[in-house]
Amino acid sequence: MSNPLIEAKTLCRDFKLPRTAISGSRPVRHAVADLDLKIEVGDRLGVVGESGSGKTTLAKLLLNLDKPTSGSITFKGQKLSLSDMAIFRREVQIIFQDPRSSLDPRMTVEQIILEPLECLDFQQNHQSRIEQVLQQVELDPTIWLRYPHELSGGQRQRVAIARALATQPSVLIADEPVSALDVLVREEILQLLSGLIESLNLTLVLISHDLSVISRLCEKVVVMRDGRIIESGTTQDVFRTPQHQFTQHLIASVPRLPTIK
């Protein structure tokens, strides 16, 4: 039996809080607690939960942007070492929530997409690769001389997606990739992501509090609460027949448009 693409075992991430006035001790917050997770090649996995449930902390751990307090994460069956990081970074990329903060305002679109190609020693011609990914995200290559402030919100997020795709990753981890966009632009980006995931055969881990986004893009889902996975399964099964009381409450809380008479 082959190894999962990414596997987390008994993963924990604790944060020390400020000292209390009475005892003087520093309480500990368990952002991720004894979490086990397997991500197979080609999975489209959604991670849902209320704010503070540990979703973003989990994403940072999977990306090796943060270190676990205990437990382990393996990629293709191997624990990551410093010598493996360039390969890992080429293969596993992230799309952040807000492109206004994740794109350097001092860099042009060309420089933004060029940066990971240079830093991660991408071997193909860099200029042709930039043109290619801009076309993949449906942006005119002539946009590459513009700065982020000269772009619309949707264009900025397309640039962020292009940057993530630049090194030809096999895994995308997206943290609330459409929550900062208005309704119409959000729909365009969801269609774009869906097409890219399918055409490039990407493995996706999508962090979102929006269940409709998870339904659109993910075949599997895990529900987090207090740093733990409390329910998992296919998206269809979990959303239609939730077993855990919290999942039932989460789904019941989804706002619905009123009936128009």
C-alpha atoms as a PDB file:
ATOM      1  CA  MET A   1       0.000   0.000   0.000  1.00  0.00           C
ATOM      2  CA  SER A   2       1.466   3.350  -1.038  1.00  0.00           C
ATOM      3  CA  ASN A   3       2.075   6.178   1.418  1.00  0.00           C
ATOM      4  CA  PRO A   4      -0.340   9.123   1.559  1.00  0.00           C
ATOM      5  CA  LEU A   5       0.927  12.247  -0.169  1.00  0.00           C
ATOM      6  CA  ILE A   6       0.781  14.171   3.124  1.00  0.00           C
ATOM      7  CA  GLU A   7       0.159  12.580   6.510  1.00  0.00           C
ATOM      8  CA  ALA A   8      -0.167  14.140   9.944  1.00  0.00           C
ATOM      9  CA  LYS A   9       0.079  11.923  13.027  1.00  0.00           C
ATOM     10  CA  THR A  10      -0.968  13.002  16.536  1.00  0.00           C
ATOM     11  CA  LEU A  11      -0.260  16.588  15.486  1.00  0.00           C
ATOM     12  CA  CYS A  12      -0.282  19.218  18.239  1.00  0.00           C
ATOM     13  CA  ARG A  13       0.413  22.944  18.197  1.00  0.00           C
ATOM     14  CA  ASP A  14       0.277  24.830  21.476  1.00  0.00           C
ATOM     15  CA  PHE A  15       0.569  28.551  22.046  1.00  0.00           C
ATOM     16  CA  LYS A  16       1.415  30.165  25.371  1.00  0.00           C
ATOM     17  CA  LEU A  17      -0.936  32.994  26.271  1.00  0.00           C
ATOM     18  CA  PRO A  18      -0.030  36.105  28.299  1.00  0.00           C
ATOM     19  CA  ARG A  19       0.550  35.604  32.020  1.00  0.00           C
ATOM     20  CA  THR A  20      -2.513  35.804  34.207  1.00  0.00           C
ATOM     21  CA  ALA A  21      -2.642  38.544  36.827  1.00  0.00           C
ATOM     22  CA  ILE A  22      -3.650  36.193  39.629  1.00  0.00           C
ATOM     23  CA  SER A  23      -1.349  33.175  39.278  1.00  0.00           C
ATOM     24  CA  GLY A  24       1.387  34.693  37.133  1.00  0.00           C
ATOM     25  CA  SER A  25       1.456  31.554  35.013  1.00  0.00           C
ATOM     26  CA  ARG A  26       1.089  31.420  31.237  1.00  0.00           C
ATOM     27  CA  PRO A  27      -1.922  29.341  30.162  1.00  0.00           C
ATOM     28  CA  VAL A  28      -1.618  27.238  27.021  1.00  0.00           C
ATOM     29  CA  ARG A  29      -3.995  27.273  24.072  1.00  0.00           C
ATOM     30  CA  HIS A  30      -4.189  24.028  22.089  1.00  0.00           C
ATOM     31  CA  ALA A  31      -4.674  25.352  18.535  1.00  0.00           C
ATOM     32  CA  VAL A  32      -4.262  21.846  17.061  1.00  0.00           C
ATOM     33  CA  ALA A  33      -4.660  18.849  19.351  1.00  0.00           C
ATOM     34  CA  ASP A  34      -3.805  15.183  18.635  1.00  0.00           C
ATOM     35  CA  LEU A  35      -4.859  15.505  15.001  1.00  0.00           C
ATOM     36  CA  ASP A  36      -4.500  12.683  12.473  1.00  0.00           C
ATOM     37  CA  LEU A  37      -4.970  13.414   8.775  1.00  0.00           C
ATOM     38  CA  LYS A  38      -4.163  11.652   5.504  1.00  0.00           C
ATOM     39  CA  ILE A  39      -4.179  13.452   2.151  1.00  0.00           C
ATOM     40  CA  GLU A  40      -3.959  11.216  -0.885  1.00  0.00           C
ATOM     41  CA  VAL A  41      -2.809  12.178  -4.390  1.00  0.00           C
ATOM     42  CA  GLY A  42      -5.696  13.863  -6.201  1.00  0.00           C
ATOM     43  CA  ASP A  43      -7.736  14.559  -3.060  1.00  0.00           C
ATOM     44  CA  ARG A  44      -9.911  17.659  -2.985  1.00  0.00           C
ATOM     45  CA  LEU A  45     -10.180  18.106   0.777  1.00  0.00           C
ATOM     46  CA  GLY A  46     -12.128  20.830   2.529  1.00  0.00           C
ATOM     47  CA  VAL A  47     -11.387  21.898   6.099  1.00  0.00           C
ATOM     48  CA  VAL A  48     -14.276  23.674   7.826  1.00  0.00           C
ATOM     49  CA  GLY A  49     -15.029  24.946  11.298  1.00  0.00           C
ATOM     50  CA  GLU A  50     -15.827  28.090  13.235  1.00  0.00           C
ATOM     51  CA  SER A  51     -13.292  30.884  13.748  1.00  0.00           C
ATOM     52  CA  GLY A  52     -10.564  29.769  16.123  1.00  0.00           C
ATOM     53  CA  SER A  53     -11.069  26.072  15.428  1.00  0.00           C
ATOM     54  CA  GLY A  54      -7.473  25.618  14.228  1.00  0.00           C
ATOM     55  CA  LYS A  55      -7.987  25.610  10.448  1.00  0.00           C
ATOM     56  CA  THR A  56      -5.322  28.167   9.546  1.00  0.00           C
ATOM     57  CA  THR A  57      -2.858  26.767  12.099  1.00  0.00           C
ATOM     58  CA  LEU A  58      -3.293  23.360  10.479  1.00  0.00           C
ATOM     59  CA  ALA A  59      -2.630  24.877   7.039  1.00  0.00           C
ATOM     60  CA  LYS A  60       0.602  26.496   8.283  1.00  0.00           C
ATOM     61  CA  LEU A  61       1.745  23.198   9.757  1.00  0.00           C
ATOM     62  CA  LEU A  62       1.018  21.313   6.524  1.00  0.00           C
ATOM     63  CA  LEU A  63       2.984  23.965   4.618  1.00  0.00           C
ATOM     64  CA  ASN A  64       5.882  23.720   7.092  1.00  0.00           C
ATOM     65  CA  LEU A  65       5.487  27.436   7.811  1.00  0.00           C
ATOM     66  CA  ASP A  66       5.105  26.535  11.485  1.00  0.00           C
ATOM     67  CA  LYS A  67       6.496  23.712  13.594  1.00  0.00           C
ATOM     68  CA  PRO A  68       4.294  21.365  15.632  1.00  0.00           C
ATOM     69  CA  THR A  69       4.693  21.195  19.390  1.00  0.00           C
ATOM     70  CA  SER A  70       4.522  17.430  19.015  1.00  0.00           C
ATOM     71  CA  GLY A  71       3.511  14.868  16.419  1.00  0.00           C
ATOM     72  CA  SER A  72       4.787  14.585  12.870  1.00  0.00           C
ATOM     73  CA  ILE A  73       4.051  15.438   9.243  1.00  0.00           C
ATOM     74  CA  THR A  74       5.388  13.445   6.320  1.00  0.00           C
ATOM     75  CA  PHE A  75       5.407  14.255   2.597  1.00  0.00           C
ATOM     76  CA  LYS A  76       5.484  11.259   0.262  1.00  0.00           C
ATOM     77  CA  GLY A  77       6.295   9.084   3.257  1.00  0.00           C
ATOM     78  CA  GLN A  78       9.319  11.120   4.367  1.00  0.00           C
ATOM     79  CA  LYS A  79       9.825  13.633   7.144  1.00  0.00           C
ATOM     80  CA  LEU A  80      11.020  16.935   5.760  1.00  0.00           C
ATOM     81  CA  SER A  81      14.621  18.018   6.232  1.00  0.00           C
ATOM     82  CA  LEU A  82      16.324  21.273   5.279  1.00  0.00           C
ATOM     83  CA  SER A  83      17.768  19.638   2.160  1.00  0.00           C
ATOM     84  CA  ASP A  84      14.251  18.723   1.006  1.00  0.00           C
ATOM     85  CA  MET A  85      12.685  22.149   1.437  1.00  0.00           C
ATOM     86  CA  ALA A  86      13.285  23.535  -2.070  1.00  0.00           C
ATOM     87  CA  ILE A  87      11.610  20.476  -3.613  1.00  0.00           C
ATOM     88  CA  PHE A  88       8.762  20.644  -1.084  1.00  0.00           C
ATOM     89  CA  ARG A  89       8.180  24.363  -1.741  1.00  0.00           C
ATOM     90  CA  ARG A  90       8.042  23.735  -5.487  1.00  0.00           C
ATOM     91  CA  GLU A  91       5.477  20.978  -5.016  1.00  0.00           C
ATOM     92  CA  VAL A  92       3.295  22.492  -2.274  1.00  0.00           C
ATOM     93  CA  GLN A  93       2.073  26.063  -2.723  1.00  0.00           C
ATOM     94  CA  ILE A  94      -0.443  28.304  -0.953  1.00  0.00           C
ATOM     95  CA  ILE A  95      -3.095  30.792  -2.011  1.00  0.00           C
ATOM     96  CA  PHE A  96      -3.708  33.305   0.757  1.00  0.00           C
ATOM     97  CA  GLN A  97      -6.989  34.916   1.729  1.00  0.00           C
ATOM     98  CA  ASP A  98      -6.295  38.544   0.852  1.00  0.00           C
ATOM     99  CA  PRO A  99      -4.039  39.354  -2.117  1.00  0.00           C
ATOM    100  CA  ARG A 100      -3.737  42.962  -0.957  1.00  0.00           C
ATOM    101  CA  SER A 101      -1.590  41.790   1.946  1.00  0.00           C
ATOM    102  CA  SER A 102       0.057  38.769   0.293  1.00  0.00           C
ATOM    103  CA  LEU A 103       1.345  40.605  -2.810  1.00  0.00           C
ATOM    104  CA  ASP A 104       4.329  42.920  -2.349  1.00  0.00           C
ATOM    105  CA  PRO A 105       3.111  46.420  -3.357  1.00  0.00           C
ATOM    106  CA  ARG A 106       6.644  47.363  -4.476  1.00  0.00           C
ATOM    107  CA  MET A 107       6.823  44.573  -7.061  1.00  0.00           C
ATOM    108  CA  THR A 108       5.306  44.347 -10.526  1.00  0.00           C
ATOM    109  CA  VAL A 109       3.227  41.329 -11.515  1.00  0.00           C
ATOM    110  CA  GLU A 110       6.239  39.999 -13.402  1.00  0.00           C
ATOM    111  CA  GLN A 111       8.481  40.299 -10.330  1.00  0.00           C
ATOM    112  CA  ILE A 112       5.850  38.697  -8.069  1.00  0.00           C
ATOM    113  CA  ILE A 113       5.612  35.571 -10.232  1.00  0.00           C
ATOM    114  CA  LEU A 114       9.345  35.540 -10.984  1.00  0.00           C
ATOM    115  CA  GLU A 115      10.316  35.461  -7.294  1.00  0.00           C
ATOM    116  CA  PRO A 116       9.391  31.800  -6.560  1.00  0.00           C
ATOM    117  CA  LEU A 117      10.885  30.699  -9.894  1.00  0.00           C
ATOM    118  CA  GLU A 118      14.236  32.203  -8.923  1.00  0.00           C
ATOM    119  CA  CYS A 119      14.160  31.306  -5.224  1.00  0.00           C
ATOM    120  CA  LEU A 120      13.172  27.680  -5.867  1.00  0.00           C
ATOM    121  CA  ASP A 121      15.543  27.178  -8.825  1.00  0.00           C
ATOM    122  CA  PHE A 122      12.837  26.466 -11.400  1.00  0.00           C
ATOM    123  CA  GLN A 123      14.643  25.096 -14.440  1.00  0.00           C
ATOM    124  CA  GLN A 124      12.423  26.153 -17.342  1.00  0.00           C
ATOM    125  CA  ASN A 125      12.629  29.552 -19.046  1.00  0.00           C
ATOM    126  CA  HIS A 126      11.246  32.026 -16.544  1.00  0.00           C
ATOM    127  CA  GLN A 127       9.741  34.543 -18.949  1.00  0.00           C
ATOM    128  CA  SER A 128       7.844  31.917 -20.909  1.00  0.00           C
ATOM    129  CA  ARG A 129       6.608  30.380 -17.658  1.00  0.00           C
ATOM    130  CA  ILE A 130       5.286  33.754 -16.462  1.00  0.00           C
ATOM    131  CA  GLU A 131       3.396  34.212 -19.729  1.00  0.00           C
ATOM    132  CA  GLN A 132       2.021  30.686 -19.460  1.00  0.00           C
ATOM    133  CA  VAL A 133       0.649  31.017 -15.921  1.00  0.00           C
ATOM    134  CA  LEU A 134      -0.875  34.425 -16.667  1.00  0.00           C
ATOM    135  CA  GLN A 135      -2.738  32.820 -19.541  1.00  0.00           C
ATOM    136  CA  GLN A 136      -3.803  29.948 -17.275  1.00  0.00           C
ATOM    137  CA  VAL A 137      -5.430  32.405 -14.852  1.00  0.00           C
ATOM    138  CA  GLU A 138      -6.978  34.277 -17.794  1.00  0.00           C
ATOM    139  CA  LEU A 139      -4.949  37.475 -17.526  1.00  0.00           C
ATOM    140  CA  ASP A 140      -3.434  39.305 -20.485  1.00  0.00           C
ATOM    141  CA  PRO A 141       0.388  38.913 -20.252  1.00  0.00           C
ATOM    142  CA  THR A 142       0.727  42.671 -20.836  1.00  0.00           C
ATOM    143  CA  ILE A 143      -0.471  43.090 -17.230  1.00  0.00           C
ATOM    144  CA  TRP A 144       2.918  41.988 -15.929  1.00  0.00           C
ATOM    145  CA  LEU A 145       4.324  45.523 -15.754  1.00  0.00           C
ATOM    146  CA  ARG A 146       1.574  46.703 -13.411  1.00  0.00           C
ATOM    147  CA  TYR A 147       1.723  46.925  -9.620  1.00  0.00           C
ATOM    148  CA  PRO A 148      -0.888  45.355  -7.288  1.00  0.00           C
ATOM    149  CA  HIS A 149      -2.545  48.707  -6.517  1.00  0.00           C
ATOM    150  CA  GLU A 150      -3.235  49.128 -10.244  1.00  0.00           C
ATOM    151  CA  LEU A 151      -5.282  45.919 -10.347  1.00  0.00           C
ATOM    152  CA  SER A 152      -8.821  45.052  -9.311  1.00  0.00           C
ATOM    153  CA  GLY A 153      -9.444  42.627  -6.441  1.00  0.00           C
ATOM    154  CA  GLY A 154     -10.183  39.795  -8.845  1.00  0.00           C
ATOM    155  CA  GLN A 155      -7.052  40.504 -10.884  1.00  0.00           C
ATOM    156  CA  ARG A 156      -4.930  40.529  -7.725  1.00  0.00           C
ATOM    157  CA  GLN A 157      -6.262  37.136  -6.674  1.00  0.00           C
ATOM    158  CA  ARG A 158      -5.595  35.766 -10.168  1.00  0.00           C
ATOM    159  CA  VAL A 159      -2.007  36.989  -9.837  1.00  0.00           C
ATOM    160  CA  ALA A 160      -1.786  35.252  -6.451  1.00  0.00           C
ATOM    161  CA  ILE A 161      -3.040  32.032  -8.061  1.00  0.00           C
ATOM    162  CA  ALA A 162      -0.547  32.459 -10.920  1.00  0.00           C
ATOM    163  CA  ARG A 163       2.273  32.846  -8.404  1.00  0.00           C
ATOM    164  CA  ALA A 164       1.166  29.653  -6.650  1.00  0.00           C
ATOM    165  CA  LEU A 165       1.081  27.765  -9.965  1.00  0.00           C
ATOM    166  CA  ALA A 166       4.400  29.124 -11.243  1.00  0.00           C
ATOM    167  CA  THR A 167       6.597  26.256 -10.011  1.00  0.00           C
ATOM    168  CA  GLN A 168       4.153  23.599 -11.296  1.00  0.00           C
ATOM    169  CA  PRO A 169       3.110  22.337  -7.843  1.00  0.00           C
ATOM    170  CA  SER A 170       1.216  19.112  -7.264  1.00  0.00           C
ATOM    171  CA  VAL A 171      -0.542  20.450  -4.146  1.00  0.00           C
ATOM    172  CA  LEU A 172      -2.420  23.697  -3.543  1.00  0.00           C
ATOM    173  CA  ILE A 173      -3.370  24.770  -0.032  1.00  0.00           C
ATOM    174  CA  ALA A 174      -5.912  27.600  -0.234  1.00  0.00           C
ATOM    175  CA  ASP A 175      -6.853  29.556   2.891  1.00  0.00           C
ATOM    176  CA  GLU A 176     -10.199  31.320   2.346  1.00  0.00           C
ATOM    177  CA  PRO A 177      -9.226  32.186  -1.268  1.00  0.00           C
ATOM    178  CA  VAL A 178     -12.476  34.004  -2.169  1.00  0.00           C
ATOM    179  CA  SER A 179     -13.688  35.476   1.125  1.00  0.00           C
ATOM    180  CA  ALA A 180     -12.184  38.917   0.365  1.00  0.00           C
ATOM    181  CA  LEU A 181     -13.975  39.187  -3.007  1.00  0.00           C
ATOM    182  CA  ASP A 182     -17.407  40.452  -3.962  1.00  0.00           C
ATOM    183  CA  VAL A 183     -20.081  37.986  -5.098  1.00  0.00           C
ATOM    184  CA  LEU A 184     -19.600  38.196  -8.875  1.00  0.00           C
ATOM    185  CA  VAL A 185     -15.799  38.128  -8.770  1.00  0.00           C
ATOM    186  CA  ARG A 186     -15.925  35.308  -6.260  1.00  0.00           C
ATOM    187  CA  GLU A 187     -17.934  33.195  -8.710  1.00  0.00           C
ATOM    188  CA  GLU A 188     -15.387  33.863 -11.472  1.00  0.00           C
ATOM    189  CA  ILE A 189     -12.486  32.814  -9.219  1.00  0.00           C
ATOM    190  CA  LEU A 190     -14.303  29.660  -8.095  1.00  0.00           C
ATOM    191  CA  GLN A 191     -14.870  28.680 -11.733  1.00  0.00           C
ATOM    192  CA  LEU A 192     -11.210  29.387 -12.485  1.00  0.00           C
ATOM    193  CA  LEU A 193      -9.965  27.316  -9.535  1.00  0.00           C
ATOM    194  CA  SER A 194     -12.284  24.439 -10.376  1.00  0.00           C
ATOM    195  CA  GLY A 195     -11.009  24.340 -13.959  1.00  0.00           C
ATOM    196  CA  LEU A 196      -7.352  24.580 -12.939  1.00  0.00           C
ATOM    197  CA  ILE A 197      -7.631  21.843 -10.314  1.00  0.00           C
ATOM    198  CA  GLU A 198      -9.209  19.545 -12.885  1.00  0.00           C
ATOM    199  CA  SER A 199      -6.947  20.360 -15.854  1.00  0.00           C
ATOM    200  CA  LEU A 200      -3.696  20.316 -13.851  1.00  0.00           C
ATOM    201  CA  ASN A 201      -4.747  17.327 -11.703  1.00  0.00           C
ATOM    202  CA  LEU A 202      -3.924  19.171  -8.490  1.00  0.00           C
ATOM    203  CA  THR A 203      -4.349  17.915  -4.967  1.00  0.00           C
ATOM    204  CA  LEU A 204      -6.300  20.571  -3.055  1.00  0.00           C
ATOM    205  CA  VAL A 205      -6.608  21.413   0.627  1.00  0.00           C
ATOM    206  CA  LEU A 206      -9.183  24.197   0.968  1.00  0.00           C
ATOM    207  CA  ILE A 207      -9.615  26.027   4.269  1.00  0.00           C
ATOM    208  CA  SER A 208     -12.957  27.822   4.504  1.00  0.00           C
ATOM    209  CA  HIS A 209     -15.800  28.709   6.823  1.00  0.00           C
ATOM    210  CA  ASP A 210     -18.072  28.905   3.757  1.00  0.00           C
ATOM    211  CA  LEU A 211     -19.724  25.539   3.200  1.00  0.00           C
ATOM    212  CA  SER A 212     -20.927  26.477  -0.290  1.00  0.00           C
ATOM    213  CA  VAL A 213     -17.315  26.989  -1.416  1.00  0.00           C
ATOM    214  CA  ILE A 214     -16.350  23.609   0.039  1.00  0.00           C
ATOM    215  CA  SER A 215     -19.291  21.997  -1.777  1.00  0.00           C
ATOM    216  CA  ARG A 216     -18.161  23.500  -5.085  1.00  0.00           C
ATOM    217  CA  LEU A 217     -14.530  22.407  -4.962  1.00  0.00           C
ATOM    218  CA  CYS A 218     -14.111  19.524  -2.520  1.00  0.00           C
ATOM    219  CA  GLU A 219     -15.031  15.846  -2.624  1.00  0.00           C
ATOM    220  CA  LYS A 220     -13.963  15.195   0.973  1.00  0.00           C
ATOM    221  CA  VAL A 221     -14.309  17.306   4.103  1.00  0.00           C
ATOM    222  CA  VAL A 222     -13.108  17.365   7.699  1.00  0.00           C
ATOM    223  CA  VAL A 223     -14.840  19.402  10.392  1.00  0.00           C
ATOM    224  CA  MET A 224     -12.640  20.978  13.066  1.00  0.00           C
ATOM    225  CA  ARG A 225     -13.522  22.202  16.527  1.00  0.00           C
ATOM    226  CA  ASP A 226     -11.106  23.230  19.288  1.00  0.00           C
ATOM    227  CA  GLY A 227      -8.150  21.989  17.269  1.00  0.00           C
ATOM    228  CA  ARG A 228      -9.554  18.530  16.668  1.00  0.00           C
ATOM    229  CA  ILE A 229     -11.246  16.788  13.735  1.00  0.00           C
ATOM    230  CA  ILE A 230     -14.699  15.868  15.002  1.00  0.00           C
ATOM    231  CA  GLU A 231     -16.177  14.531  11.749  1.00  0.00           C
ATOM    232  CA  SER A 232     -14.918  13.543   8.306  1.00  0.00           C
ATOM    233  CA  GLY A 233     -16.130  11.874   5.143  1.00  0.00           C
ATOM    234  CA  THR A 234     -17.275  12.690   1.657  1.00  0.00           C
ATOM    235  CA  THR A 235     -18.614  16.222   1.352  1.00  0.00           C
ATOM    236  CA  GLN A 236     -21.973  14.905   0.206  1.00  0.00           C
ATOM    237  CA  ASP A 237     -22.384  12.547   3.178  1.00  0.00           C
ATOM    238  CA  VAL A 238     -21.182  14.997   5.840  1.00  0.00           C
ATOM    239  CA  PHE A 239     -23.285  17.916   4.583  1.00  0.00           C
ATOM    240  CA  ARG A 240     -26.434  15.866   3.927  1.00  0.00           C
ATOM    241  CA  THR A 241     -26.380  13.633   6.996  1.00  0.00           C
ATOM    242  CA  PRO A 242     -24.043  15.168   9.600  1.00  0.00           C
ATOM    243  CA  GLN A 243     -23.471  12.906  12.597  1.00  0.00           C
ATOM    244  CA  HIS A 244     -21.864  15.254  15.104  1.00  0.00           C
ATOM    245  CA  GLN A 245     -24.064  17.793  16.868  1.00  0.00           C
ATOM    246  CA  PHE A 246     -21.641  20.615  16.110  1.00  0.00           C
ATOM    247  CA  THR A 247     -21.628  19.779  12.380  1.00  0.00           C
ATOM    248  CA  GLN A 248     -25.424  19.773  12.434  1.00  0.00           C
ATOM    249  CA  HIS A 249     -25.385  23.218  14.057  1.00  0.00           C
ATOM    250  CA  LEU A 250     -22.794  24.468  11.556  1.00  0.00           C
ATOM    251  CA  ILE A 251     -24.896  23.400   8.574  1.00  0.00           C
ATOM    252  CA  ALA A 252     -28.119  24.729  10.105  1.00  0.00           C
ATOM    253  CA  SER A 253     -26.439  28.121  10.535  1.00  0.00           C
ATOM    254  CA  VAL A 254     -25.794  28.589   6.809  1.00  0.00           C
ATOM    255  CA  PRO A 255     -27.825  31.671   5.755  1.00  0.00           C
ATOM    256  CA  ARG A 256     -30.434  31.127   3.063  1.00  0.00           C
ATOM    257  CA  LEU A 257     -32.150  33.631   0.830  1.00  0.00           C
ATOM    258  CA  PRO A 258     -35.738  34.346   1.849  1.00  0.00           C
ATOM    259  CA  THR A 259     -38.475  33.061  -0.405  1.00  0.00           C
ATOM    260  CA  ILE A 260     -39.568  35.784  -2.831  1.00  0.00           C
ATOM    261  CA  LYS A 261     -43.350  35.998  -3.082  1.00  0.00           C
END
